[in-house]
Every structure is written in structure tokens, then in C-alpha cells.
């Protein structure tokens, strides 16, 4: 599932005070990534296929040449 490019966050800070902000671009991706952790998910859960899960040198050797 692709991530949203913009999110609105409504939460509580460490001090218990209400927190509201909008996040865009990379910041939005980071917020969604951290929310996934709160839900017990890791990036592997978001992968459509584990077929290309590998180290970068292996990916470059075996997958970059396939098109």
C-alpha cells in the first residue's frame, strides 16, 4: 500500500497536551512509518512482494538488469 504524501496528525505529546500538525513529503512518510510501529507493523508488512527483498549489492546484480 503506497503512503500518503500529506497527512494531518492529531495526537497527544509526552506532556499530555494535544498536538496537531500537517506533514508533507518525507515528513509525512516518517509519521506514517512511526504510526505503523505503534500498530505493530514493520516495513516488510507493507511490501507487495518479498521477491526482491535483498541486500543492495545482490539487488544490483540480479534485479537491476531485469526489465
PDB file of N, CA and C in Angstrom:
ATOM      1  N   UNK A   1       0.843  -1.183   0.000  1.00  0.00           N
ATOM      2  CA  UNK A   1       0.000   0.000   0.000  1.00  0.00           C
ATOM      3  C   UNK A   1       0.889   1.249   0.000  1.00  0.00           C
ATOM      4  N   UNK A   2       0.741   2.103  -0.981  1.00  0.00           N
ATOM      5  CA  UNK A   2       1.549   3.325  -1.043  1.00  0.00           C
ATOM      6  C   UNK A   2       1.210   4.275   0.104  1.00  0.00           C
ATOM      7  N   UNK A   3       2.174   5.055   0.480  1.00  0.00           N
ATOM      8  CA  UNK A   3       1.959   6.022   1.563  1.00  0.00           C
ATOM      9  C   UNK A   3       1.377   7.320   1.013  1.00  0.00           C
ATOM     10  N   UNK A   4       0.645   8.014   1.866  1.00  0.00           N
ATOM     11  CA  UNK A   4       0.107   9.328   1.501  1.00  0.00           C
ATOM     12  C   UNK A   4       1.246  10.343   1.458  1.00  0.00           C
ATOM     13  N   UNK A   5       1.114  11.349   0.619  1.00  0.00           N
ATOM     14  CA  UNK A   5       2.145  12.383   0.535  1.00  0.00           C
ATOM     15  C   UNK A   5       1.888  13.520   1.511  1.00  0.00           C
ATOM     16  N   UNK A   6       0.692  13.518   2.102  1.00  0.00           N
ATOM     17  CA  UNK A   6       0.346  14.536   3.090  1.00  0.00           C
ATOM     18  C   UNK A   6      -0.572  13.910   4.132  1.00  0.00           C
ATOM     19  N   UNK A   7      -0.310  14.201   5.407  1.00  0.00           N
ATOM     20  CA  UNK A   7      -1.159  13.694   6.490  1.00  0.00           C
ATOM     21  C   UNK A   7      -1.415  14.794   7.512  1.00  0.00           C
ATOM     22  N   UNK A   8      -2.561  14.703   8.162  1.00  0.00           N
ATOM     23  CA  UNK A   8      -2.879  15.591   9.277  1.00  0.00           C
ATOM     24  C   UNK A   8      -2.796  14.757  10.543  1.00  0.00           C
ATOM     25  N   UNK A   9      -2.034  15.234  11.500  1.00  0.00           N
ATOM     26  CA  UNK A   9      -1.800  14.484  12.738  1.00  0.00           C
ATOM     27  C   UNK A   9      -2.530  15.162  13.891  1.00  0.00           C
ATOM     28  N   UNK A  10      -3.280  14.357  14.629  1.00  0.00           N
ATOM     29  CA  UNK A  10      -3.911  14.792  15.871  1.00  0.00           C
ATOM     30  C   UNK A  10      -3.525  13.762  16.918  1.00  0.00           C
ATOM     31  N   UNK A  11      -2.777  14.201  17.925  1.00  0.00           N
ATOM     32  CA  UNK A  11      -2.236  13.267  18.916  1.00  0.00           C
ATOM     33  C   UNK A  11      -2.036  13.998  20.238  1.00  0.00           C
ATOM     34  N   UNK A  12      -1.431  13.284  21.176  1.00  0.00           N
ATOM     35  CA  UNK A  12      -1.055  13.875  22.459  1.00  0.00           C
ATOM     36  C   UNK A  12       0.450  13.750  22.616  1.00  0.00           C
ATOM     37  N   UNK A  13       1.094  14.822  23.065  1.00  0.00           N
ATOM     38  CA  UNK A  13       2.532  14.825  23.279  1.00  0.00           C
ATOM     39  C   UNK A  13       2.912  14.128  24.576  1.00  0.00           C
ATOM     40  N   UNK A  14       4.205  14.059  24.830  1.00  0.00           N
ATOM     41  CA  UNK A  14       4.684  13.396  26.057  1.00  0.00           C
ATOM     42  C   UNK A  14       4.179  14.080  27.309  1.00  0.00           C
ATOM     43  N   UNK A  15       3.889  15.366  27.188  1.00  0.00           N
ATOM     44  CA  UNK A  15       3.390  16.111  28.344  1.00  0.00           C
ATOM     45  C   UNK A  15       1.874  16.008  28.503  1.00  0.00           C
ATOM     46  N   UNK A  16       1.221  15.252  27.611  1.00  0.00           N
ATOM     47  CA  UNK A  16      -0.220  15.058  27.695  1.00  0.00           C
ATOM     48  C   UNK A  16      -1.028  16.137  27.000  1.00  0.00           C
ATOM     49  N   UNK A  17      -0.342  17.129  26.426  1.00  0.00           N
ATOM     50  CA  UNK A  17      -1.043  18.205  25.733  1.00  0.00           C
ATOM     51  C   UNK A  17      -1.369  17.788  24.302  1.00  0.00           C
ATOM     52  N   UNK A  18      -2.491  18.310  23.809  1.00  0.00           N
ATOM     53  CA  UNK A  18      -2.942  17.998  22.450  1.00  0.00           C
ATOM     54  C   UNK A  18      -1.944  18.553  21.438  1.00  0.00           C
ATOM     55  N   UNK A  19      -1.729  17.767  20.397  1.00  0.00           N
ATOM     56  CA  UNK A  19      -0.762  18.105  19.353  1.00  0.00           C
ATOM     57  C   UNK A  19      -1.467  17.981  18.013  1.00  0.00           C
ATOM     58  N   UNK A  20      -1.393  19.007  17.169  1.00  0.00           N
ATOM     59  CA  UNK A  20      -1.989  18.975  15.830  1.00  0.00           C
ATOM     60  C   UNK A  20      -1.023  19.611  14.844  1.00  0.00           C
ATOM     61  N   UNK A  21      -0.798  18.915  13.723  1.00  0.00           N
ATOM     62  CA  UNK A  21       0.034  19.481  12.668  1.00  0.00           C
ATOM     63  C   UNK A  21      -0.188  18.732  11.366  1.00  0.00           C
ATOM     64  N   UNK A  22       0.183  19.360  10.264  1.00  0.00           N
ATOM     65  CA  UNK A  22       0.161  18.730   8.944  1.00  0.00           C
ATOM     66  C   UNK A  22       1.589  18.377   8.577  1.00  0.00           C
ATOM     67  N   UNK A  23       1.761  17.238   7.954  1.00  0.00           N
ATOM     68  CA  UNK A  23       3.089  16.808   7.494  1.00  0.00           C
ATOM     69  C   UNK A  23       2.998  16.508   5.999  1.00  0.00           C
ATOM     70  N   UNK A  24       4.023  16.908   5.261  1.00  0.00           N
ATOM     71  CA  UNK A  24       4.057  16.666   3.820  1.00  0.00           C
ATOM     72  C   UNK A  24       5.378  16.020   3.425  1.00  0.00           C
ATOM     73  N   UNK A  25       5.374  15.347   2.280  1.00  0.00           N
ATOM     74  CA  UNK A  25       6.594  14.772   1.719  1.00  0.00           C
ATOM     75  C   UNK A  25       7.244  13.756   2.645  1.00  0.00           C
ATOM     76  N   UNK A  26       8.562  13.916   2.814  1.00  0.00           N
ATOM     77  CA  UNK A  26       9.326  12.971   3.635  1.00  0.00           C
ATOM     78  C   UNK A  26       8.808  12.925   5.068  1.00  0.00           C
ATOM     79  N   UNK A  27       8.464  14.086   5.611  1.00  0.00           N
ATOM     80  CA  UNK A  27       7.950  14.140   6.984  1.00  0.00           C
ATOM     81  C   UNK A  27       6.680  13.303   7.118  1.00  0.00           C
ATOM     82  N   UNK A  28       5.799  13.357   6.124  1.00  0.00           N
ATOM     83  CA  UNK A  28       4.572  12.550   6.140  1.00  0.00           C
ATOM     84  C   UNK A  28       4.898  11.063   6.121  1.00  0.00           C
ATOM     85  N   UNK A  29       5.903  10.685   5.333  1.00  0.00           N
ATOM     86  CA  UNK A  29       6.305   9.269   5.277  1.00  0.00           C
ATOM     87  C   UNK A  29       6.830   8.799   6.632  1.00  0.00           C
ATOM     88  N   UNK A  30       7.622   9.653   7.279  1.00  0.00           N
ATOM     89  CA  UNK A  30       8.184   9.294   8.590  1.00  0.00           C
ATOM     90  C   UNK A  30       7.075   9.136   9.621  1.00  0.00           C
ATOM     91  N   UNK A  31       6.103  10.053   9.615  1.00  0.00           N
ATOM     92  CA  UNK A  31       4.983   9.959  10.560  1.00  0.00           C
ATOM     93  C   UNK A  31       4.228   8.651  10.355  1.00  0.00           C
ATOM     94  N   UNK A  32       3.933   8.304   9.101  1.00  0.00           N
ATOM     95  CA  UNK A  32       3.216   7.064   8.813  1.00  0.00           C
ATOM     96  C   UNK A  32       4.035   5.836   9.217  1.00  0.00           C
ATOM     97  N   UNK A  33       5.342   5.897   8.996  1.00  0.00           N
ATOM     98  CA  UNK A  33       6.235   4.801   9.380  1.00  0.00           C
ATOM     99  C   UNK A  33       6.172   4.582  10.895  1.00  0.00           C
ATOM    100  N   UNK A  34       6.237   5.667  11.652  1.00  0.00           N
ATOM    101  CA  UNK A  34       6.212   5.551  13.110  1.00  0.00           C
ATOM    102  C   UNK A  34       4.842   5.095  13.603  1.00  0.00           C
ATOM    103  N   UNK A  35       3.770   5.524  12.950  1.00  0.00           N
ATOM    104  CA  UNK A  35       2.424   5.047  13.315  1.00  0.00           C
ATOM    105  C   UNK A  35       2.305   3.552  13.053  1.00  0.00           C
ATOM    106  N   UNK A  36       2.931   3.079  11.982  1.00  0.00           N
ATOM    107  CA  UNK A  36       2.949   1.639  11.716  1.00  0.00           C
ATOM    108  C   UNK A  36       3.556   0.887  12.897  1.00  0.00           C
ATOM    109  N   UNK A  37       4.648   1.417  13.450  1.00  0.00           N
ATOM    110  CA  UNK A  37       5.274   0.760  14.605  1.00  0.00           C
ATOM    111  C   UNK A  37       4.310   0.692  15.789  1.00  0.00           C
ATOM    112  N   UNK A  38       3.547   1.750  16.002  1.00  0.00           N
ATOM    113  CA  UNK A  38       2.570   1.745  17.099  1.00  0.00           C
ATOM    114  C   UNK A  38       1.501   0.680  16.892  1.00  0.00           C
ATOM    115  N   UNK A  39       1.242   0.363  15.614  1.00  0.00           N
ATOM    116  CA  UNK A  39       0.274  -0.689  15.282  1.00  0.00           C
ATOM    117  C   UNK A  39       0.921  -2.064  15.169  1.00  0.00           C
ATOM    118  N   UNK A  40       2.221  -2.150  15.472  1.00  0.00           N
ATOM    119  CA  UNK A  40       2.912  -3.437  15.433  1.00  0.00           C
ATOM    120  C   UNK A  40       3.331  -3.879  14.043  1.00  0.00           C
ATOM    121  N   UNK A  41       3.436  -2.943  13.097  1.00  0.00           N
ATOM    122  CA  UNK A  41       3.829  -3.280  11.732  1.00  0.00           C
ATOM    123  C   UNK A  41       5.258  -2.833  11.449  1.00  0.00           C
ATOM    124  N   UNK A  42       5.917  -3.558  10.563  1.00  0.00           N
ATOM    125  CA  UNK A  42       7.244  -3.171  10.088  1.00  0.00           C
ATOM    126  C   UNK A  42       7.190  -3.054   8.570  1.00  0.00           C
ATOM    127  N   UNK A  43       8.241  -2.533   7.962  1.00  0.00           N
ATOM    128  CA  UNK A  43       8.208  -2.267   6.519  1.00  0.00           C
ATOM    129  C   UNK A  43       7.947  -3.524   5.694  1.00  0.00           C
ATOM    130  N   UNK A  44       8.319  -4.684   6.192  1.00  0.00           N
ATOM    131  CA  UNK A  44       8.060  -5.927   5.461  1.00  0.00           C
ATOM    132  C   UNK A  44       6.559  -6.163   5.279  1.00  0.00           C
ATOM    133  N   UNK A  45       5.772  -5.712   6.246  1.00  0.00           N
ATOM    134  CA  UNK A  45       4.323  -5.868   6.155  1.00  0.00           C
ATOM    135  C   UNK A  45       3.731  -5.028   5.027  1.00  0.00           C
ATOM    136  N   UNK A  46       4.433  -4.007   4.595  1.00  0.00           N
ATOM    137  CA  UNK A  46       3.936  -3.121   3.550  1.00  0.00           C
ATOM    138  C   UNK A  46       4.422  -3.519   2.160  1.00  0.00           C
ATOM    139  N   UNK A  47       5.365  -4.436   2.083  1.00  0.00           N
ATOM    140  CA  UNK A  47       5.887  -4.843   0.779  1.00  0.00           C
ATOM    141  C   UNK A  47       4.839  -5.665   0.038  1.00  0.00           C
ATOM    142  N   UNK A  48       4.631  -5.337  -1.239  1.00  0.00           N
ATOM    143  CA  UNK A  48       3.673  -6.090  -2.057  1.00  0.00           C
ATOM    144  C   UNK A  48       4.162  -7.501  -2.307  1.00  0.00           C
ATOM    145  N   UNK A  49       5.484  -7.652  -2.447  1.00  0.00           N
ATOM    146  CA  UNK A  49       6.088  -8.961  -2.691  1.00  0.00           C
ATOM    147  C   UNK A  49       7.451  -8.982  -2.022  1.00  0.00           C
ATOM    148  N   UNK A  50       7.779 -10.099  -1.399  1.00  0.00           N
ATOM    149  CA  UNK A  50       9.099 -10.229  -0.769  1.00  0.00           C
ATOM    150  C   UNK A  50      10.137 -10.737  -1.771  1.00  0.00           C
ATOM    151  N   UNK A  51       9.733 -10.870  -3.018  1.00  0.00           N
ATOM    152  CA  UNK A  51      10.601 -11.417  -4.056  1.00  0.00           C
ATOM    153  C   UNK A  51      11.902 -10.627  -4.214  1.00  0.00           C
ATOM    154  N   UNK A  52      11.847  -9.319  -4.060  1.00  0.00           N
ATOM    155  CA  UNK A  52      13.045  -8.503  -4.261  1.00  0.00           C
ATOM    156  C   UNK A  52      13.724  -8.106  -2.945  1.00  0.00           C
ATOM    157  N   UNK A  53      13.309  -8.681  -1.831  1.00  0.00           N
ATOM    158  CA  UNK A  53      13.933  -8.380  -0.549  1.00  0.00           C
ATOM    159  C   UNK A  53      15.348  -8.942  -0.553  1.00  0.00           C
ATOM    160  N   UNK A  54      16.334  -8.060  -0.514  1.00  0.00           N
ATOM    161  CA  UNK A  54      17.734  -8.478  -0.620  1.00  0.00           C
ATOM    162  C   UNK A  54      18.652  -7.351  -0.185  1.00  0.00           C
ATOM    163  N   UNK A  55      19.937  -7.637  -0.107  1.00  0.00           N
ATOM    164  CA  UNK A  55      20.941  -6.611   0.141  1.00  0.00           C
ATOM    165  C   UNK A  55      21.179  -5.844  -1.154  1.00  0.00           C
ATOM    166  N   UNK A  56      21.590  -4.589  -1.050  1.00  0.00           N
ATOM    167  CA  UNK A  56      21.764  -3.741  -2.226  1.00  0.00           C
ATOM    168  C   UNK A  56      22.691  -4.348  -3.277  1.00  0.00           C
ATOM    169  N   UNK A  57      23.879  -4.887  -2.920  1.00  0.00           N
ATOM    170  CA  UNK A  57      24.737  -5.482  -3.961  1.00  0.00           C
ATOM    171  C   UNK A  57      24.051  -6.630  -4.704  1.00  0.00           C
ATOM    172  N   UNK A  58      23.280  -7.445  -3.990  1.00  0.00           N
ATOM    173  CA  UNK A  58      22.560  -8.540  -4.640  1.00  0.00           C
ATOM    174  C   UNK A  58      21.451  -8.001  -5.535  1.00  0.00           C
ATOM    175  N   UNK A  59      20.766  -6.973  -5.067  1.00  0.00           N
ATOM    176  CA  UNK A  59      19.709  -6.370  -5.874  1.00  0.00           C
ATOM    177  C   UNK A  59      20.288  -5.825  -7.182  1.00  0.00           C
ATOM    178  N   UNK A  60      21.392  -5.112  -7.062  1.00  0.00           N
ATOM    179  CA  UNK A  60      22.018  -4.550  -8.259  1.00  0.00           C
ATOM    180  C   UNK A  60      22.462  -5.649  -9.219  1.00  0.00           C
ATOM    181  N   UNK A  61      22.983  -6.734  -8.693  1.00  0.00           N
ATOM    182  CA  UNK A  61      23.487  -7.812  -9.539  1.00  0.00           C
ATOM    183  C   UNK A  61      22.366  -8.588 -10.227  1.00  0.00           C
ATOM    184  N   UNK A  62      21.317  -8.925  -9.490  1.00  0.00           N
ATOM    185  CA  UNK A  62      20.292  -9.832 -10.019  1.00  0.00           C
ATOM    186  C   UNK A  62      19.023  -9.141 -10.538  1.00  0.00           C
ATOM    187  N   UNK A  63      18.698  -7.951 -10.008  1.00  0.00           N
ATOM    188  CA  UNK A  63      17.420  -7.342 -10.352  1.00  0.00           C
ATOM    189  C   UNK A  63      17.532  -6.109 -11.237  1.00  0.00           C
ATOM    190  N   UNK A  64      18.625  -5.386 -11.154  1.00  0.00           N
ATOM    191  CA  UNK A  64      18.755  -4.159 -11.957  1.00  0.00           C
ATOM    192  C   UNK A  64      18.824  -4.457 -13.453  1.00  0.00           C
ATOM    193  N   UNK A  65      19.279  -5.633 -13.804  1.00  0.00           N
ATOM    194  CA  UNK A  65      19.409  -5.974 -15.223  1.00  0.00           C
ATOM    195  C   UNK A  65      18.104  -6.499 -15.806  1.00  0.00           C
ATOM    196  N   UNK A  66      17.146  -6.873 -14.960  1.00  0.00           N
ATOM    197  CA  UNK A  66      15.846  -7.384 -15.429  1.00  0.00           C
ATOM    198  C   UNK A  66      14.902  -6.214 -15.652  1.00  0.00           C
ATOM    199  N   UNK A  67      14.289  -6.178 -16.804  1.00  0.00           N
ATOM    200  CA  UNK A  67      13.307  -5.110 -17.070  1.00  0.00           C
ATOM    201  C   UNK A  67      12.181  -5.632 -17.860  1.00  0.00           C
TER     202      UNK A  67
END
